[in-house]
Amino acid sequence: MSTNPARMTNRTAWAAFWVALAGLVLMPIPLFIGLILGGGLSLVAAVLVVIALLKGLSRQGKGIAPVVFAGIFVALTWGGISAGGGIVW
């Protein structure tokens, strides 16, 4: 981790971003595979989003952009699953 406070990144935010993106990409796979893979990853990403958001807010908002995108990806994944993504062919 960088010792320069101006260059510190929120690693949890980037982890949430990539996990949420993977969940969104895997969600459309049919026959419940997307539901298990995409839904599981989106649940993990949702927990990481909360942790990263709290970290970002304690740093006066530094590194909060990936958290916002990860939250959007999680919402899109859950919306896609509720509309039948990953379940029906």
Protein backbone atom coordinates (compact mmCIF):
# COMPACT_ATOMS: atom_id res chain seq x y z
CA MET A 1 0.00 0.00 0.00
CA SER A 2 1.25 3.45 -0.83
CA THR A 3 2.44 5.67 1.99
CA ASN A 4 1.43 8.81 0.13
CA PRO A 5 -2.08 9.72 1.37
CA ALA A 6 -2.94 11.43 -1.93
CA ARG A 7 -2.37 8.18 -3.84
CA MET A 8 -4.12 5.77 -1.49
CA THR A 9 -6.68 3.60 -3.22
CA ASN A 10 -9.61 1.74 -1.79
CA ARG A 11 -8.68 -1.86 -2.58
CA THR A 12 -11.96 -3.15 -1.20
CA ALA A 13 -13.80 -0.91 -3.66
CA TRP A 14 -11.89 -2.38 -6.58
CA ALA A 15 -12.50 -5.90 -5.32
CA ALA A 16 -16.23 -5.11 -5.10
CA PHE A 17 -16.13 -3.65 -8.62
CA TRP A 18 -14.54 -6.71 -10.21
CA VAL A 19 -16.61 -9.26 -8.28
CA ALA A 20 -19.83 -7.39 -9.14
CA LEU A 21 -18.81 -7.16 -12.80
CA ALA A 22 -18.10 -10.91 -12.89
CA GLY A 23 -21.51 -11.58 -11.34
CA LEU A 24 -23.20 -9.38 -13.93
CA VAL A 25 -21.41 -11.12 -16.80
CA LEU A 26 -22.16 -14.63 -15.50
CA MET A 27 -25.81 -13.98 -14.59
CA PRO A 28 -27.34 -14.59 -18.08
CA ILE A 29 -26.09 -18.21 -18.26
CA PRO A 30 -29.26 -20.37 -18.45
CA LEU A 31 -30.42 -23.41 -16.48
CA PHE A 32 -29.81 -21.97 -13.00
CA ILE A 33 -26.04 -21.78 -13.58
CA GLY A 34 -26.20 -18.01 -13.89
CA LEU A 35 -28.42 -17.80 -10.84
CA ILE A 36 -25.89 -19.68 -8.73
CA LEU A 37 -22.71 -18.12 -10.14
CA GLY A 38 -23.93 -14.59 -10.81
CA GLY A 39 -26.20 -14.43 -7.80
CA GLY A 40 -23.53 -15.77 -5.46
CA LEU A 41 -20.94 -13.33 -6.71
CA SER A 42 -23.39 -10.46 -6.46
CA LEU A 43 -24.09 -11.31 -2.81
CA VAL A 44 -20.36 -11.26 -2.08
CA ALA A 45 -20.03 -8.00 -4.00
CA ALA A 46 -22.90 -6.46 -2.02
CA VAL A 47 -21.06 -7.16 1.23
CA LEU A 48 -17.86 -5.72 -0.25
CA VAL A 49 -19.76 -2.63 -1.42
CA VAL A 50 -20.92 -1.88 2.10
CA ILE A 51 -17.41 -2.36 3.53
CA ALA A 52 -15.81 -0.28 0.77
CA LEU A 53 -18.40 2.45 1.13
CA LEU A 54 -17.66 2.75 4.83
CA LYS A 55 -13.91 2.85 4.10
CA GLY A 56 -14.40 5.47 1.39
CA LEU A 57 -16.53 7.67 3.61
CA SER A 58 -13.92 7.51 6.37
CA ARG A 59 -11.37 8.79 3.82
CA GLN A 60 -13.51 11.80 2.89
CA GLY A 61 -14.81 10.13 -0.27
CA LYS A 62 -11.51 8.99 -1.77
CA GLY A 63 -11.92 5.87 -3.90
CA ILE A 64 -15.70 5.89 -3.86
CA ALA A 65 -16.29 5.77 -7.64
CA PRO A 66 -15.67 2.01 -8.01
CA VAL A 67 -18.09 1.44 -5.12
CA VAL A 68 -20.82 3.31 -6.96
CA PHE A 69 -20.28 1.29 -10.13
CA ALA A 70 -20.14 -1.96 -8.14
CA GLY A 71 -23.45 -1.07 -6.50
CA ILE A 72 -24.95 -0.43 -9.93
CA PHE A 73 -23.65 -3.79 -11.19
CA VAL A 74 -25.12 -5.56 -8.15
CA ALA A 75 -28.49 -3.86 -8.71
CA LEU A 76 -28.45 -4.81 -12.40
CA THR A 77 -27.60 -8.41 -11.54
CA TRP A 78 -30.40 -8.67 -9.00
CA GLY A 79 -32.80 -7.01 -11.45
CA GLY A 80 -31.78 -9.44 -14.17
CA ILE A 81 -32.24 -12.42 -11.89
CA SER A 82 -35.68 -11.21 -10.80
CA ALA A 83 -36.62 -10.84 -14.48
CA GLY A 84 -35.64 -14.47 -15.17
CA GLY A 85 -31.98 -14.19 -16.07
CA GLY A 86 -29.96 -17.28 -15.25
CA ILE A 87 -33.10 -19.35 -14.77
CA VAL A 88 -34.85 -19.66 -18.13
CA TRP A 89 -33.25 -20.48 -21.43
